[in-house]
């Protein structure tokens, strides 16, 4: 796979009928003289009638782009950059590292990406460019289209085995990516050189020539897990500290050493009885870790204690089946969880021993595979899964009492009635990707979500967040 296999493009509604959000609000258009059917809201799971098709409502997005990388990348992470926080001026730039899951084990790669020139795509929306530049664009339409075309540069690292999951962390002046391989080993890669390569086309060509003759080797590899795994997370509080969990049930804690190496505690944390699916370090306490498992439990650990005694709190039967993903709120003592049962639960750690979530939502119609709190808004999170939808939620929203009285049911359409039954906390439904596997809010680009699925990547910002 090379850069010719990869593409980043603006999603055209006319060309991609499945892409995008099938809004939460109806346009309520009057029927035209030729009796054409007015636009209606589509809710996931509703069968389409003959002649009906899904069309993206571009007015619901500030920005919407899609990208493809050849072999599917079912895990990725956003690479922290040095361009500043709170960037809302268009066009935007984002850096990522992703891992492929190719059909043949020996042709997998880590892909370090730079997505740039990400313009607004909302109809009628103007980017924050100088007036002089806009006038120049208007003088040459062809040149204007080229200037607005999004760009993607990729530097590849050969990876042994499919990449189950990858997570990035900047440590000082170096950016590392930790990858879980299906072969049962965890690698840590210094991706600084690849990040430099994607900045300049000449450097990228030079890098591509070099890796033909010289294989990039990981900075560190751990072979101590007895099975492959998916759970992995860098600590936000303790620089260089990592936790990894495998499909057997074991969790290992990593501590950084000088010279870009790590010491891994060979003694696993004792508690889970089945595969550890996800890990999350506390954003505020350096020694505290949360994990979820196929054993239906969520556990809170204090890693200062011996492995046999590290489990502080356990919530048994937190879900009806496998718990796939958890996310720790950056500023509030909340953890959100999602599982194969399609349920979303929000847990208050101050009441964790009650084993009752403070909020529960059942909107997804299939396994929930990804979940993340918005790092810039403590009440907002996003969830996605095998039902091919990403849902945006805001816990601060409550049902308007004045609107609870239902009008004459005979005056409501079936769609309006279905919308009224949706949780008021559900802000937005994004569709267009097949078998969604992972999403991340960009911590430096407010409201921007990147997501990956079997069908490729989406980069978008909605009008709701």
Protein backbone atom coordinates (compact mmCIF):
# COMPACT_ATOMS: atom_id res chain seq x y z
CA UNK A 1 0.00 0.00 0.00
CA UNK A 2 1.27 3.47 -0.83
CA UNK A 3 -0.04 7.01 -0.93
CA UNK A 4 -1.80 6.33 -4.23
CA UNK A 5 -4.18 4.03 -2.35
CA UNK A 6 -5.25 6.80 0.00
CA UNK A 7 -7.68 9.59 -0.59
CA UNK A 8 -9.33 12.42 1.30
CA UNK A 9 -12.32 14.15 -0.14
CA UNK A 10 -15.24 16.43 0.55
CA UNK A 11 -18.47 14.46 0.89
CA UNK A 12 -20.86 15.46 -1.88
CA UNK A 13 -24.48 14.75 -1.00
CA UNK A 14 -25.37 14.12 -4.62
CA UNK A 15 -22.61 11.54 -4.98
CA UNK A 16 -22.87 9.72 -1.66
CA UNK A 17 -26.44 9.15 -0.72
CA UNK A 18 -25.58 7.30 2.48
CA UNK A 19 -23.09 9.81 3.84
CA UNK A 20 -23.89 12.10 6.69
CA UNK A 21 -26.51 12.85 9.24
CA UNK A 22 -30.13 12.05 8.71
CA UNK A 23 -31.15 15.02 10.82
CA UNK A 24 -33.03 15.31 14.04
CA UNK A 25 -35.34 18.01 12.69
CA UNK A 26 -37.70 17.87 9.75
CA UNK A 27 -37.56 20.50 7.01
CA UNK A 28 -41.39 20.64 6.91
CA UNK A 29 -41.45 21.67 3.27
CA UNK A 30 -44.78 22.08 1.50
CA UNK A 31 -45.51 19.77 -1.37
CA UNK A 32 -44.42 21.17 -4.68
CA UNK A 33 -46.78 21.53 -7.65
CA UNK A 34 -45.59 18.24 -9.10
CA UNK A 35 -46.51 16.50 -5.82
CA UNK A 36 -42.86 15.70 -5.08
CA UNK A 37 -42.46 14.34 -1.61
CA UNK A 38 -41.06 16.80 0.93
CA UNK A 39 -37.90 16.00 2.84
CA UNK A 40 -38.42 13.81 5.86
CA UNK A 41 -36.30 12.79 8.80
CA UNK A 42 -34.87 9.29 8.57
CA UNK A 43 -34.41 7.35 11.79
CA UNK A 44 -32.04 4.34 11.81
CA UNK A 45 -33.78 1.01 11.35
CA UNK A 46 -36.68 2.40 9.36
CA UNK A 47 -37.12 0.51 6.07
CA UNK A 48 -36.98 2.55 2.88
CA UNK A 49 -39.87 2.47 0.46
CA UNK A 50 -39.41 1.87 -3.25
CA UNK A 51 -37.83 4.91 -4.83
CA UNK A 52 -36.70 6.41 -1.52
CA UNK A 53 -33.04 7.13 -0.91
CA UNK A 54 -30.99 8.66 1.88
CA UNK A 55 -29.46 12.06 1.18
CA UNK A 56 -27.08 13.89 3.47
CA UNK A 57 -28.44 17.14 4.90
CA UNK A 58 -25.34 19.30 4.48
CA UNK A 59 -26.91 22.15 6.42
CA UNK A 60 -26.54 20.01 9.58
CA UNK A 61 -22.73 20.03 9.25
CA UNK A 62 -20.19 22.77 9.51
CA UNK A 63 -17.62 20.38 8.01
CA UNK A 64 -17.84 16.88 6.55
CA UNK A 65 -15.01 15.03 4.79
CA UNK A 66 -14.26 11.38 4.17
CA UNK A 67 -10.99 9.49 3.63
CA UNK A 68 -9.94 6.03 2.49
CA UNK A 69 -6.71 4.12 3.12
CA UNK A 70 -7.03 0.95 1.08
CA UNK A 71 -7.02 -1.74 3.77
CA UNK A 72 -9.46 -0.84 6.56
CA UNK A 73 -8.06 0.83 9.68
CA UNK A 74 -10.21 -0.29 12.59
CA UNK A 75 -8.24 1.60 15.22
CA UNK A 76 -6.61 5.02 15.20
CA UNK A 77 -5.66 7.85 17.51
CA UNK A 78 -5.28 11.58 17.17
CA UNK A 79 -1.66 12.71 17.44
CA UNK A 80 -1.27 15.80 19.65
CA UNK A 81 0.28 18.63 17.66
CA UNK A 82 1.94 21.94 18.42
CA UNK A 83 -0.42 24.14 16.41
CA UNK A 84 -2.31 25.31 19.49
CA UNK A 85 -5.55 24.50 21.31
CA UNK A 86 -9.06 25.76 20.57
CA UNK A 87 -8.44 26.10 16.83
CA UNK A 88 -11.69 27.00 15.03
CA UNK A 89 -10.29 28.98 12.10
CA UNK A 90 -10.71 27.16 8.79
CA UNK A 91 -9.10 25.41 7.01
CA UNK A 92 -8.14 22.92 9.74
CA UNK A 93 -5.26 20.45 10.09
CA UNK A 94 -5.22 17.17 12.01
CA UNK A 95 -2.59 14.47 12.58
CA UNK A 96 -3.41 10.80 13.19
CA UNK A 97 -1.85 7.39 13.52
CA UNK A 98 -3.89 4.38 12.39
CA UNK A 99 -3.34 0.65 12.03
CA UNK A 100 -4.55 -1.58 9.23
CA UNK A 101 -6.33 -4.92 9.39
CA UNK A 102 -5.45 -6.40 6.04
CA UNK A 103 -6.48 -9.90 4.96
CA UNK A 104 -2.83 -10.97 4.85
CA UNK A 105 -0.92 -10.69 8.13
CA UNK A 106 2.40 -9.65 6.57
CA UNK A 107 1.07 -6.63 4.66
CA UNK A 108 -0.20 -4.57 7.61
CA UNK A 109 1.00 -1.08 8.42
CA UNK A 110 0.88 1.71 10.92
CA UNK A 111 -0.08 4.83 8.98
CA UNK A 112 0.98 8.27 10.21
CA UNK A 113 -1.32 10.80 8.54
CA UNK A 114 -1.60 14.52 8.10
CA UNK A 115 -5.01 15.75 7.00
CA UNK A 116 -4.88 19.38 5.94
CA UNK A 117 -6.86 22.02 4.08
CA UNK A 118 -10.05 20.84 5.79
CA UNK A 119 -12.49 23.56 4.73
CA UNK A 120 -16.01 24.26 5.81
CA UNK A 121 -18.45 22.29 3.70
CA UNK A 122 -21.65 23.87 4.94
CA UNK A 123 -23.54 25.42 2.05
CA UNK A 124 -23.13 29.18 2.13
CA UNK A 125 -20.40 28.95 4.76
CA UNK A 126 -17.26 31.03 4.24
CA UNK A 127 -13.88 30.01 5.55
CA UNK A 128 -11.93 32.45 7.70
CA UNK A 129 -9.64 33.61 4.91
CA UNK A 130 -8.48 37.07 4.00
CA UNK A 131 -10.76 39.06 1.69
CA UNK A 132 -7.94 39.43 -0.81
CA UNK A 133 -7.47 35.68 -1.02
CA UNK A 134 -11.21 35.20 -1.52
CA UNK A 135 -11.20 37.72 -4.37
CA UNK A 136 -8.30 35.90 -6.00
CA UNK A 137 -10.25 32.64 -5.74
CA UNK A 138 -13.27 34.20 -7.41
CA UNK A 139 -11.10 35.36 -10.32
CA UNK A 140 -10.10 31.80 -11.09
CA UNK A 141 -12.75 29.17 -10.33
CA UNK A 142 -10.49 26.24 -11.22
CA UNK A 143 -7.79 27.55 -8.93
CA UNK A 144 -10.39 28.08 -6.21
CA UNK A 145 -11.55 24.45 -6.39
CA UNK A 146 -7.96 23.23 -6.17
CA UNK A 147 -7.26 25.44 -3.17
CA UNK A 148 -10.29 24.05 -1.36
CA UNK A 149 -9.40 20.43 -2.02
CA UNK A 150 -8.50 18.61 1.23
CA UNK A 151 -5.08 16.99 1.38
CA UNK A 152 -3.78 13.82 3.04
CA UNK A 153 -0.16 12.76 3.36
CA UNK A 154 0.75 9.34 4.81
CA UNK A 155 3.97 7.74 6.05
CA UNK A 156 3.83 3.97 6.51
CA UNK A 157 5.50 1.66 9.02
CA UNK A 158 5.39 -2.09 8.36
CA UNK A 159 3.58 -3.84 11.21
CA UNK A 160 3.73 -7.54 12.02
CA UNK A 161 0.13 -8.71 12.25
CA UNK A 162 -3.12 -6.78 12.16
CA UNK A 163 -3.26 -3.74 14.43
CA UNK A 164 -5.91 -4.45 17.05
CA UNK A 165 -5.60 -1.02 18.63
CA UNK A 166 -3.23 1.94 18.58
CA UNK A 167 -2.78 4.87 20.98
CA UNK A 168 -0.48 7.89 20.66
CA UNK A 169 1.20 10.05 23.31
CA UNK A 170 3.61 12.97 23.15
CA UNK A 171 6.40 12.58 25.70
CA UNK A 172 8.60 15.67 25.74
CA UNK A 173 9.70 16.30 22.16
CA UNK A 174 8.97 12.75 21.02
CA UNK A 175 5.66 11.27 19.86
CA UNK A 176 5.13 7.58 20.56
CA UNK A 177 2.46 5.20 19.29
CA UNK A 178 1.68 1.99 21.19
CA UNK A 179 0.12 -0.78 19.08
CA UNK A 180 -1.53 -4.08 20.01
CA UNK A 181 -0.77 -6.77 17.44
CA UNK A 182 -2.98 -9.78 16.73
CA UNK A 183 0.21 -11.81 17.22
CA UNK A 184 0.03 -11.13 20.96
CA UNK A 185 2.72 -8.50 21.33
CA UNK A 186 2.59 -4.80 22.16
CA UNK A 187 4.98 -2.46 20.35
CA UNK A 188 5.92 1.14 21.07
CA UNK A 189 7.02 3.19 18.07
CA UNK A 190 8.79 6.52 17.86
CA UNK A 191 6.81 8.20 15.05
CA UNK A 192 8.63 11.54 15.12
CA UNK A 193 10.39 10.89 11.81
CA UNK A 194 7.12 9.96 10.09
CA UNK A 195 5.46 13.14 11.40
CA UNK A 196 8.30 15.16 9.89
CA UNK A 197 7.94 13.30 6.59
CA UNK A 198 4.23 14.11 6.15
CA UNK A 199 5.02 17.81 6.48
CA UNK A 200 6.96 18.00 3.23
CA UNK A 201 6.53 16.10 -0.05
CA UNK A 202 10.26 15.86 -0.65
CA UNK A 203 10.90 14.51 2.84
CA UNK A 204 8.10 12.00 2.32
CA UNK A 205 9.61 10.75 -0.95
CA UNK A 206 12.98 10.41 0.76
CA UNK A 207 11.37 8.50 3.65
CA UNK A 208 9.58 6.14 1.23
CA UNK A 209 12.89 5.37 -0.50
CA UNK A 210 14.58 4.68 2.84
CA UNK A 211 12.00 2.23 4.19
CA UNK A 212 12.30 0.07 1.07
CA UNK A 213 15.79 -0.90 2.22
CA UNK A 214 15.50 -0.46 5.98
CA UNK A 215 12.60 -1.71 8.12
CA UNK A 216 11.45 0.65 10.86
CA UNK A 217 11.80 -1.13 14.17
CA UNK A 218 9.81 -0.46 17.34
CA UNK A 219 11.46 1.38 20.20
CA UNK A 220 10.22 -1.30 22.60
CA UNK A 221 8.30 -4.60 22.43
CA UNK A 222 6.54 -6.58 25.17
CA UNK A 223 5.86 -10.27 24.57
CA UNK A 224 4.62 -11.10 28.07
CA UNK A 225 0.90 -11.24 27.33
CA UNK A 226 -0.24 -14.83 26.85
CA UNK A 227 -2.89 -13.87 24.30
CA UNK A 228 -3.62 -11.01 21.94
CA UNK A 229 -5.60 -8.06 23.26
CA UNK A 230 -7.30 -4.78 22.52
CA UNK A 231 -7.18 -2.77 25.76
CA UNK A 232 -4.48 -0.11 25.91
CA UNK A 233 -4.20 3.41 27.32
CA UNK A 234 -1.54 6.01 28.11
CA UNK A 235 -1.82 7.84 31.42
CA UNK A 236 -2.69 11.54 31.20
CA UNK A 237 -1.19 12.24 34.65
CA UNK A 238 1.98 10.14 34.75
CA UNK A 239 4.21 10.71 31.73
CA UNK A 240 5.05 7.54 29.85
CA UNK A 241 2.94 5.20 32.01
CA UNK A 242 0.91 2.69 29.98
CA UNK A 243 -1.60 -0.08 30.74
CA UNK A 244 -2.39 -3.03 28.46
CA UNK A 245 -5.04 -5.73 28.82
CA UNK A 246 -5.44 -8.97 26.89
CA UNK A 247 -8.11 -11.45 25.85
CA UNK A 248 -7.11 -13.89 28.58
CA UNK A 249 -7.96 -11.48 31.47
CA UNK A 250 -4.57 -9.97 32.36
CA UNK A 251 -3.68 -6.29 32.77
CA UNK A 252 -0.03 -5.19 32.86
CA UNK A 253 1.30 -1.79 33.97
CA UNK A 254 4.21 -0.18 32.12
CA UNK A 255 6.64 2.36 33.62
CA UNK A 256 9.05 4.45 31.51
CA UNK A 257 12.81 4.14 31.82
CA UNK A 258 15.50 6.46 30.58
CA UNK A 259 16.49 6.21 26.94
CA UNK A 260 13.08 5.47 25.47
CA UNK A 261 12.51 2.11 27.11
CA UNK A 262 9.91 0.70 29.52
CA UNK A 263 9.71 -1.66 32.47
CA UNK A 264 6.60 -3.86 32.40
CA UNK A 265 5.35 -5.39 35.64
CA UNK A 266 5.17 -9.11 34.86
CA UNK A 267 2.55 -9.59 37.58
CA UNK A 268 -0.91 -8.94 36.08
CA UNK A 269 -3.64 -7.18 38.04
CA UNK A 270 -5.91 -9.84 39.54
CA UNK A 271 -9.68 -9.55 39.23
CA UNK A 272 -11.22 -10.01 35.79
CA UNK A 273 -12.32 -13.51 34.81
CA UNK A 274 -12.58 -12.96 31.04
CA UNK A 275 -11.20 -10.79 28.23
CA UNK A 276 -10.34 -7.18 29.14
CA UNK A 277 -11.93 -5.12 26.37
CA UNK A 278 -10.97 -1.56 27.32
CA UNK A 279 -8.85 0.45 29.78
CA UNK A 280 -8.96 4.09 30.85
CA UNK A 281 -6.57 5.86 33.21
CA UNK A 282 -8.09 8.45 35.51
CA UNK A 283 -7.56 11.94 34.05
CA UNK A 284 -6.87 13.30 37.55
CA UNK A 285 -5.26 10.57 39.68
CA UNK A 286 -2.00 9.07 38.46
CA UNK A 287 -2.42 5.64 40.06
CA UNK A 288 -6.12 5.01 39.31
CA UNK A 289 -7.25 2.88 36.37
CA UNK A 290 -10.66 1.70 35.12
CA UNK A 291 -11.29 -1.43 33.04
CA UNK A 292 -14.22 -3.28 31.50
CA UNK A 293 -14.55 -6.89 30.44
CA UNK A 294 -16.47 -9.68 28.78
CA UNK A 295 -17.19 -10.78 32.36
CA UNK A 296 -19.74 -7.89 32.47
CA UNK A 297 -17.86 -6.01 35.19
CA UNK A 298 -16.31 -2.57 35.44
CA UNK A 299 -13.37 -2.40 37.87
CA UNK A 300 -11.50 0.52 39.41
CA UNK A 301 -7.87 -0.16 40.34
CA UNK A 302 -5.27 1.55 42.51
CA UNK A 303 -2.00 0.51 40.88
CA UNK A 304 0.07 1.47 43.93
CA UNK A 305 -1.22 -1.67 45.68
CA UNK A 306 0.10 -5.19 45.00
CA UNK A 307 -1.61 -6.75 41.94
CA UNK A 308 -3.70 -9.13 44.09
CA UNK A 309 -5.12 -6.22 46.09
CA UNK A 310 -5.21 -3.45 43.47
CA UNK A 311 -8.93 -3.71 42.66
CA UNK A 312 -10.68 -1.06 44.78
CA UNK A 313 -14.21 -1.14 43.36
CA UNK A 314 -16.19 -3.58 41.25
CA UNK A 315 -19.55 -3.20 39.54
CA UNK A 316 -20.83 -6.69 38.72
CA UNK A 317 -23.35 -7.17 35.90
CA UNK A 318 -22.85 -3.58 34.79
CA UNK A 319 -24.27 -4.68 31.40
CA UNK A 320 -26.36 -7.62 30.24
CA UNK A 321 -23.48 -8.92 28.09
CA UNK A 322 -19.90 -8.08 27.07
CA UNK A 323 -18.78 -4.54 27.94
CA UNK A 324 -16.78 -3.28 24.98
CA UNK A 325 -15.78 0.28 25.81
CA UNK A 326 -15.53 2.80 28.65
CA UNK A 327 -14.69 6.49 28.71
CA UNK A 328 -13.61 8.58 31.69
CA UNK A 329 -14.90 12.16 31.83
CA UNK A 330 -12.03 14.66 31.90
CA UNK A 331 -13.52 17.01 34.52
CA UNK A 332 -16.38 15.19 36.28
CA UNK A 333 -16.25 11.88 38.25
CA UNK A 334 -18.22 10.07 35.53
CA UNK A 335 -17.47 6.96 33.49
CA UNK A 336 -19.59 6.01 30.48
CA UNK A 337 -19.81 2.42 29.24
CA UNK A 338 -21.18 0.65 26.17
CA UNK A 339 -21.68 -3.02 25.44
CA UNK A 340 -22.92 -5.74 23.16
CA UNK A 341 -26.39 -5.22 24.65
CA UNK A 342 -26.63 -1.84 22.90
CA UNK A 343 -26.99 0.01 26.21
CA UNK A 344 -25.13 3.15 27.23
CA UNK A 345 -24.66 3.67 30.97
CA UNK A 346 -23.22 6.68 32.80
CA UNK A 347 -21.74 5.96 36.24
CA UNK A 348 -21.03 8.44 39.02
CA UNK A 349 -17.92 7.19 40.80
CA UNK A 350 -19.11 8.83 44.01
CA UNK A 351 -22.05 6.42 43.93
CA UNK A 352 -20.30 3.51 42.23
CA UNK A 353 -20.87 1.11 45.11
CA UNK A 354 -24.63 1.44 44.59
CA UNK A 355 -24.05 -0.34 41.26
CA UNK A 356 -26.73 1.80 39.65
CA UNK A 357 -25.95 4.11 36.71
CA UNK A 358 -27.10 7.72 36.95
CA UNK A 359 -28.24 7.60 33.30
CA UNK A 360 -29.09 4.84 30.84
CA UNK A 361 -29.84 5.14 27.11
CA UNK A 362 -31.04 2.44 24.72
CA UNK A 363 -30.88 3.94 21.25
CA UNK A 364 -28.31 1.82 19.42
CA UNK A 365 -29.74 -1.30 17.79
CA UNK A 366 -26.50 -3.31 17.72
CA UNK A 367 -23.20 -3.67 19.57
CA UNK A 368 -21.67 -0.42 20.83
CA UNK A 369 -18.02 -0.42 19.77
CA UNK A 370 -16.83 3.11 20.56
CA UNK A 371 -17.58 5.79 23.10
CA UNK A 372 -15.87 9.02 24.15
CA UNK A 373 -16.59 12.10 26.23
CA UNK A 374 -16.01 15.46 24.59
CA UNK A 375 -12.78 16.72 26.22
CA UNK A 376 -14.00 20.31 25.92
CA UNK A 377 -17.57 19.86 27.20
CA UNK A 378 -18.16 17.78 30.33
CA UNK A 379 -21.80 16.96 29.52
CA UNK A 380 -21.36 15.83 25.90
CA UNK A 381 -20.26 12.43 24.62
CA UNK A 382 -20.47 10.44 21.38
CA UNK A 383 -21.16 6.75 20.82
CA UNK A 384 -21.03 4.49 17.77
CA UNK A 385 -21.36 0.89 16.79
CA UNK A 386 -22.32 -1.92 14.48
CA UNK A 387 -25.68 -0.29 13.69
CA UNK A 388 -23.72 2.11 11.40
CA UNK A 389 -24.51 5.25 13.36
CA UNK A 390 -22.74 7.72 15.61
CA UNK A 391 -24.93 9.39 18.22
CA UNK A 392 -24.11 12.66 19.97
CA UNK A 393 -25.48 13.08 23.50
CA UNK A 394 -25.77 15.98 25.94
CA UNK A 395 -26.62 15.07 29.52
CA UNK A 396 -27.42 18.71 30.30
CA UNK A 397 -30.52 18.62 28.09
CA UNK A 398 -33.83 17.88 29.77
CA UNK A 399 -37.29 17.40 28.33
CA UNK A 400 -39.25 20.64 28.11
CA UNK A 401 -42.22 20.22 30.46
CA UNK A 402 -44.27 22.64 28.36
CA UNK A 403 -43.90 20.32 25.39
CA UNK A 404 -44.66 17.08 27.20
CA UNK A 405 -48.35 17.39 26.48
CA UNK A 406 -48.76 15.45 23.25
CA UNK A 407 -50.85 17.20 20.58
CA UNK A 408 -53.63 15.40 18.79
CA UNK A 409 -52.03 12.16 17.67
CA UNK A 410 -54.03 12.21 14.45
CA UNK A 411 -52.26 15.45 13.49
CA UNK A 412 -48.82 13.90 13.88
CA UNK A 413 -47.01 11.96 11.21
CA UNK A 414 -45.51 8.62 12.19
CA UNK A 415 -42.02 10.11 11.89
CA UNK A 416 -42.88 13.03 14.17
CA UNK A 417 -44.28 10.63 16.72
CA UNK A 418 -41.06 8.55 16.59
CA UNK A 419 -38.94 11.68 17.02
CA UNK A 420 -40.95 12.73 20.08
CA UNK A 421 -40.11 9.36 21.65
CA UNK A 422 -36.34 9.86 21.29
CA UNK A 423 -34.37 10.76 24.43
CA UNK A 424 -34.11 14.56 24.69
CA UNK A 425 -30.36 14.10 25.37
CA UNK A 426 -29.87 12.72 21.84
CA UNK A 427 -28.53 15.69 19.87
CA UNK A 428 -27.57 14.24 16.53
CA UNK A 429 -27.32 11.04 14.46
CA UNK A 430 -24.47 10.71 11.97
CA UNK A 431 -24.56 7.98 9.34
CA UNK A 432 -22.80 6.91 6.17
CA UNK A 433 -20.11 4.56 7.49
CA UNK A 434 -20.38 0.78 7.61
CA UNK A 435 -19.45 -1.11 10.80
CA UNK A 436 -18.15 1.81 12.84
CA UNK A 437 -15.26 0.80 15.07
CA UNK A 438 -13.76 3.89 16.70
CA UNK A 439 -14.33 7.61 17.13
CA UNK A 440 -12.34 10.38 18.79
CA UNK A 441 -13.05 14.02 19.52
CA UNK A 442 -10.10 16.15 18.46
CA UNK A 443 -8.97 17.80 21.72
CA UNK A 444 -7.50 20.82 19.89
CA UNK A 445 -10.30 21.33 17.33
CA UNK A 446 -13.52 22.04 19.29
CA UNK A 447 -16.48 19.97 18.14
CA UNK A 448 -14.53 18.01 15.51
CA UNK A 449 -14.98 14.21 15.48
CA UNK A 450 -12.90 11.70 13.53
CA UNK A 451 -14.27 8.19 13.09
CA UNK A 452 -13.21 5.00 11.36
CA UNK A 453 -15.14 2.04 10.01
CA UNK A 454 -14.77 -0.76 7.48
CA UNK A 455 -15.79 1.80 4.85
CA UNK A 456 -13.11 4.38 5.77
CA UNK A 457 -12.71 7.57 7.80
CA UNK A 458 -15.05 10.51 8.38
CA UNK A 459 -13.96 13.92 9.69
CA UNK A 460 -16.87 16.14 10.67
CA UNK A 461 -18.26 18.86 12.86
CA UNK A 462 -22.00 19.21 13.34
CA UNK A 463 -24.04 22.32 14.06
CA UNK A 464 -25.17 20.79 17.36
CA UNK A 465 -21.83 20.86 19.21
